[in-house]
Amino acid sequence: MNLYSEYYVSKICERFVNKIWCLDNSIGESLIENKLVLPNGCFNLAIVSGKAIEVHTSKQKYEMNEGFYFCSQMTNKVLVHIQPKTKVTIIQLHTSTLSMFPSYDLSDFSDSIIKINSTELPFKTEVDTNLKSDVTTLLDTLNAYFEELNTLHPNKSVVEKICEIIKLHNEEITVSEIGKMLNSSQRSLQIKFKTATGLTIKNYIQILKFRKSVDQMVNATIEKLTLTEVALYNKYFDQSHFIKKFKDVTKSTPKTFDSESYFLSKKR
């Protein structure tokens, strides 16, 4: 059984959900230690089944036993220890998804995790935390909920529009330019984005750019890209600038970066 696996929602649901990923130590007999996760510009809803996992963010340590957890935007690498007989299923929500629920003010909520009650979940079907639960059942639940949400909210929120513009411009756009495109003041956009995500627009752009760079670097042998090419492709000033930003997040240099220690996205 693979420790790390990925699953994908329907095309319509991709507006709200990036993917589901699982860390499965359900048949393991020993603790899996010192695995790392990088920031990716998404919120995560984590379902812990079995015993527990321990997660270290840049702010504090979290002991996560069986149940449901909401994980905020992460700005630095996260350290994970997974107990034997434990499975973690993570629903990766796009940055703009929470803006569909304006009752949430996430402006001061980053690098943090909170446990939530199952009654707080919006899904009509109960989500199972059983260690042997099938991910396809969860996919059916998510597809049903988010396809209905898509029908109820055909118009994109301001935050969703901001995220879309940033991705369309390959993370090479300023807040001023976004403001002109949306006919809105920079201040108004910044307030709305920070309230919905816990990040500034600039922080979000930096996270996306960094994560894209790491994924390219890890696959550099396949794509035949050098470190300098990765840096320049992602519009860092030069290789030194890229290395500095890399160390800020991972506390290591690209040369000493051990991809085997990280849970990294599969190349689709």
Protein backbone atom coordinates (compact mmCIF):
# COMPACT_ATOMS: atom_id res chain seq x y z
CA MET A 1 0.00 0.00 0.00
CA ASN A 2 1.33 3.43 -0.93
CA LEU A 3 1.74 5.88 1.94
CA TYR A 4 0.78 8.81 -0.33
CA SER A 5 -1.99 8.76 -2.92
CA GLU A 6 -4.13 11.32 -4.78
CA TYR A 7 -7.76 11.36 -5.97
CA TYR A 8 -9.64 13.86 -8.11
CA VAL A 9 -13.15 15.29 -8.03
CA SER A 10 -15.41 15.89 -11.05
CA LYS A 11 -14.59 18.66 -13.53
CA ILE A 12 -17.34 20.90 -12.15
CA CYS A 13 -16.09 20.44 -8.58
CA GLU A 14 -12.57 21.46 -9.57
CA ARG A 15 -13.84 25.03 -9.26
CA PHE A 16 -13.81 24.49 -5.47
CA VAL A 17 -11.62 21.44 -4.74
CA ASN A 18 -8.09 20.91 -6.01
CA LYS A 19 -7.84 17.22 -5.07
CA ILE A 20 -8.02 14.71 -2.24
CA TRP A 21 -4.81 13.22 -0.91
CA CYS A 22 -4.28 10.43 1.59
CA LEU A 23 -1.49 9.55 3.99
CA ASP A 24 -2.19 5.92 4.73
CA ASN A 25 -0.39 4.09 7.55
CA SER A 26 -3.51 2.03 8.37
CA ILE A 27 -1.74 -1.32 8.13
CA GLY A 28 1.61 -0.02 9.37
CA GLU A 29 3.14 -1.31 12.58
CA SER A 30 5.58 1.55 13.18
CA LEU A 31 5.58 5.34 13.49
CA ILE A 32 6.34 7.26 10.29
CA GLU A 33 8.45 10.24 11.33
CA ASN A 34 9.75 13.50 9.92
CA LYS A 35 7.72 13.72 6.73
CA LEU A 36 7.28 17.23 5.35
CA VAL A 37 4.57 19.17 3.52
CA LEU A 38 5.08 22.42 1.61
CA PRO A 39 2.63 25.35 1.42
CA ASN A 40 0.45 25.23 -1.69
CA GLY A 41 -2.01 28.14 -1.48
CA CYS A 42 -4.93 25.94 -0.40
CA PHE A 43 -7.03 25.30 2.70
CA ASN A 44 -7.29 21.71 3.89
CA LEU A 45 -10.06 19.75 5.58
CA ALA A 46 -8.33 16.79 7.24
CA ILE A 47 -10.09 13.58 8.28
CA VAL A 48 -7.98 11.58 10.76
CA SER A 49 -8.92 7.90 11.12
CA GLY A 50 -7.45 5.43 13.64
CA LYS A 51 -4.90 6.63 16.17
CA ALA A 52 -3.34 10.06 15.59
CA ILE A 53 -0.88 12.25 13.73
CA GLU A 54 1.37 14.97 15.09
CA VAL A 55 1.79 18.13 13.03
CA HIS A 56 4.31 20.92 13.60
CA THR A 57 3.52 24.23 11.89
CA SER A 58 5.63 27.38 12.15
CA LYS A 59 3.44 28.40 15.12
CA GLN A 60 2.95 25.30 17.27
CA LYS A 61 2.61 21.52 17.58
CA TYR A 62 -0.79 19.83 17.08
CA GLU A 63 -1.76 16.36 18.29
CA MET A 64 -4.57 15.29 15.94
CA ASN A 65 -6.54 12.22 17.05
CA GLU A 66 -9.48 10.74 15.18
CA GLY A 67 -11.86 13.40 13.90
CA PHE A 68 -12.16 16.40 11.56
CA TYR A 69 -9.74 19.33 11.33
CA PHE A 70 -9.67 22.58 9.42
CA CYS A 71 -6.16 23.58 8.36
CA SER A 72 -5.48 27.19 7.39
CA GLN A 73 -3.10 28.55 4.80
CA MET A 74 0.47 27.45 5.53
CA THR A 75 3.37 29.79 4.80
CA ASN A 76 6.24 27.48 5.76
CA LYS A 77 6.99 23.78 5.61
CA VAL A 78 5.00 21.53 7.97
CA LEU A 79 6.46 18.51 9.81
CA VAL A 80 4.28 15.39 10.15
CA HIS A 81 4.55 12.21 12.27
CA ILE A 82 1.98 9.48 11.52
CA GLN A 83 1.10 6.86 14.14
CA PRO A 84 0.66 3.20 13.06
CA LYS A 85 -2.93 2.17 12.35
CA THR A 86 -3.67 5.73 11.20
CA LYS A 87 -4.96 7.23 7.96
CA VAL A 88 -5.29 10.91 7.09
CA THR A 89 -7.56 11.93 4.21
CA ILE A 90 -7.17 15.56 3.15
CA ILE A 91 -9.65 17.55 1.08
CA GLN A 92 -7.64 20.34 -0.55
CA LEU A 93 -9.89 23.38 -1.04
CA HIS A 94 -8.93 26.17 -3.42
CA THR A 95 -8.02 29.50 -1.85
CA SER A 96 -11.24 31.15 -2.97
CA THR A 97 -13.62 28.38 -1.84
CA LEU A 98 -14.08 29.75 1.68
CA SER A 99 -15.13 33.12 0.24
CA MET A 100 -18.39 31.35 -0.67
CA PHE A 101 -19.09 31.30 3.07
CA PRO A 102 -18.80 34.96 4.17
CA SER A 103 -19.47 34.12 7.85
CA TYR A 104 -15.85 33.02 8.12
CA ASP A 105 -13.28 35.71 8.92
CA LEU A 106 -9.89 34.09 8.35
CA SER A 107 -7.87 37.32 8.31
CA ASP A 108 -5.73 36.28 11.32
CA PHE A 109 -5.84 32.53 10.71
CA SER A 110 -2.70 31.15 9.07
CA ASP A 111 -0.27 28.34 9.92
CA SER A 112 -2.95 26.99 12.27
CA ILE A 113 -5.20 23.95 12.72
CA ILE A 114 -8.53 23.67 14.57
CA LYS A 115 -10.59 20.59 15.38
CA ILE A 116 -14.21 20.82 14.22
CA ASN A 117 -17.35 18.86 15.04
CA SER A 118 -18.85 16.65 12.33
CA THR A 119 -22.03 18.75 12.58
CA GLU A 120 -20.06 21.73 11.26
CA LEU A 121 -19.43 20.00 7.95
CA PRO A 122 -21.73 21.32 5.20
CA PHE A 123 -22.18 18.00 3.37
CA LYS A 124 -25.59 16.31 3.28
CA THR A 125 -24.09 12.84 3.60
CA GLU A 126 -22.27 11.93 6.82
CA VAL A 127 -18.50 11.61 6.32
CA ASP A 128 -17.04 8.42 7.80
CA THR A 129 -13.88 8.46 9.94
CA ASN A 130 -13.60 4.66 9.98
CA LEU A 131 -10.09 3.43 9.22
CA LYS A 132 -11.48 1.21 6.44
CA SER A 133 -13.69 3.90 4.87
CA ASP A 134 -13.59 4.06 1.07
CA VAL A 135 -12.36 7.27 -0.57
CA THR A 136 -14.79 6.78 -3.48
CA THR A 137 -17.70 7.32 -1.06
CA LEU A 138 -16.09 10.60 0.02
CA LEU A 139 -15.64 11.60 -3.63
CA ASP A 140 -19.34 10.98 -4.27
CA THR A 141 -20.24 13.17 -1.27
CA LEU A 142 -17.96 16.01 -2.39
CA ASN A 143 -19.09 15.87 -6.01
CA ALA A 144 -22.76 16.03 -4.99
CA TYR A 145 -22.22 18.96 -2.62
CA PHE A 146 -19.95 21.10 -4.77
CA GLU A 147 -21.85 20.48 -8.01
CA GLU A 148 -24.95 21.84 -6.25
CA LEU A 149 -22.92 24.77 -4.88
CA ASN A 150 -21.73 25.52 -8.40
CA THR A 151 -25.35 25.68 -9.59
CA LEU A 152 -26.37 27.93 -6.67
CA HIS A 153 -23.42 30.29 -7.19
CA PRO A 154 -22.80 30.64 -10.95
CA ASN A 155 -21.14 34.05 -10.46
CA LYS A 156 -17.58 34.16 -9.17
CA SER A 157 -16.71 35.99 -5.96
CA VAL A 158 -14.14 38.79 -5.96
CA VAL A 159 -11.62 36.49 -4.26
CA GLU A 160 -12.19 33.80 -6.87
CA LYS A 161 -11.68 36.37 -9.64
CA ILE A 162 -8.42 37.54 -8.03
CA CYS A 163 -7.10 33.96 -7.85
CA GLU A 164 -8.13 33.30 -11.44
CA ILE A 165 -6.38 36.43 -12.73
CA ILE A 166 -3.18 35.55 -10.84
CA LYS A 167 -3.09 32.05 -12.34
CA LEU A 168 -3.91 33.29 -15.83
CA HIS A 169 -0.91 35.63 -15.58
CA ASN A 170 1.38 32.90 -14.21
CA GLU A 171 1.82 34.70 -10.88
CA GLU A 172 3.34 37.71 -12.66
CA ILE A 173 0.92 40.52 -11.89
CA THR A 174 0.71 43.32 -9.31
CA VAL A 175 -2.18 44.21 -7.00
CA SER A 176 -2.45 47.52 -8.88
CA GLU A 177 -2.94 45.68 -12.18
CA ILE A 178 -5.52 43.36 -10.63
CA GLY A 179 -7.37 46.40 -9.27
CA LYS A 180 -7.56 47.94 -12.73
CA MET A 181 -8.83 44.70 -14.25
CA LEU A 182 -11.58 44.41 -11.62
CA ASN A 183 -12.29 48.15 -11.50
CA SER A 184 -11.66 48.17 -7.76
CA SER A 185 -9.26 49.89 -5.33
CA GLN A 186 -6.18 48.01 -4.14
CA ARG A 187 -7.22 48.55 -0.51
CA SER A 188 -10.67 47.03 -1.08
CA LEU A 189 -9.18 43.99 -2.82
CA GLN A 190 -6.56 43.49 -0.11
CA ILE A 191 -9.14 43.63 2.69
CA LYS A 192 -11.48 41.15 0.97
CA PHE A 193 -8.65 38.77 0.13
CA LYS A 194 -7.09 38.85 3.61
CA THR A 195 -10.47 38.32 5.31
CA ALA A 196 -11.18 35.29 3.14
CA THR A 197 -7.73 33.69 3.10
CA GLY A 198 -5.50 34.97 5.92
CA LEU A 199 -2.93 36.03 3.32
CA THR A 200 -2.13 39.20 1.47
CA ILE A 201 -2.40 38.98 -2.31
CA LYS A 202 1.39 39.33 -2.52
CA ASN A 203 1.90 36.46 -0.04
CA TYR A 204 -0.42 34.28 -2.08
CA ILE A 205 1.43 35.04 -5.32
CA GLN A 206 4.77 34.23 -3.64
CA ILE A 207 3.46 30.88 -2.35
CA LEU A 208 2.15 29.84 -5.78
CA LYS A 209 5.37 30.89 -7.48
CA PHE A 210 7.50 29.03 -4.91
CA ARG A 211 5.44 25.85 -5.13
CA LYS A 212 5.52 25.83 -8.91
CA SER A 213 9.31 26.27 -8.77
CA VAL A 214 9.75 23.34 -6.38
CA ASP A 215 7.59 21.05 -8.53
CA GLN A 216 9.61 22.02 -11.60
CA MET A 217 12.88 21.52 -9.71
CA VAL A 218 11.86 18.04 -8.52
CA ASN A 219 10.94 17.09 -12.09
CA ALA A 220 13.96 18.86 -13.57
CA THR A 221 15.56 15.64 -14.77
CA ILE A 222 12.42 14.83 -16.75
CA GLU A 223 11.93 18.34 -18.10
CA LYS A 224 15.70 18.95 -18.48
CA LEU A 225 15.64 22.25 -16.58
CA THR A 226 18.63 23.57 -14.64
CA LEU A 227 18.23 25.41 -11.31
CA THR A 228 18.95 28.71 -13.07
CA GLU A 229 16.30 27.95 -15.69
CA VAL A 230 13.74 27.14 -12.98
CA ALA A 231 14.54 30.44 -11.23
CA LEU A 232 14.33 32.53 -14.40
CA TYR A 233 11.25 30.73 -15.71
CA ASN A 234 9.42 31.72 -12.53
CA LYS A 235 10.66 35.32 -12.76
CA TYR A 236 13.01 35.32 -9.80
CA PHE A 237 15.69 37.97 -10.30
CA ASP A 238 18.39 35.32 -10.49
CA GLN A 239 19.43 32.00 -8.98
CA SER A 240 20.57 33.67 -5.72
CA HIS A 241 17.17 35.29 -5.25
CA PHE A 242 15.47 31.93 -5.78
CA ILE A 243 17.79 30.21 -3.28
CA LYS A 244 17.03 32.86 -0.64
CA LYS A 245 13.26 32.47 -1.07
CA PHE A 246 13.68 28.69 -1.05
CA LYS A 247 15.54 28.79 2.28
CA ASP A 248 12.87 31.06 3.80
CA VAL A 249 10.27 28.31 3.39
CA THR A 250 12.20 25.02 3.59
CA LYS A 251 15.21 26.07 5.74
CA SER A 252 17.41 24.29 3.21
CA THR A 253 19.00 25.12 -0.13
CA PRO A 254 17.80 23.60 -3.42
CA LYS A 255 20.99 21.50 -3.51
CA THR A 256 20.37 19.96 -0.07
CA PHE A 257 16.61 19.62 -0.62
CA ASP A 258 15.57 15.99 -0.16
CA SER A 259 12.36 15.46 -2.13
CA GLU A 260 11.95 11.99 -0.60
CA SER A 261 11.25 13.62 2.77
CA TYR A 262 8.30 15.58 1.34
CA PHE A 263 4.78 14.74 0.27
CA LEU A 264 4.80 16.37 -3.16
CA SER A 265 2.06 16.55 -5.78
CA LYS A 266 2.02 13.85 -8.41
CA LYS A 267 2.64 15.04 -11.95
CA ARG A 268 -0.76 14.79 -13.66
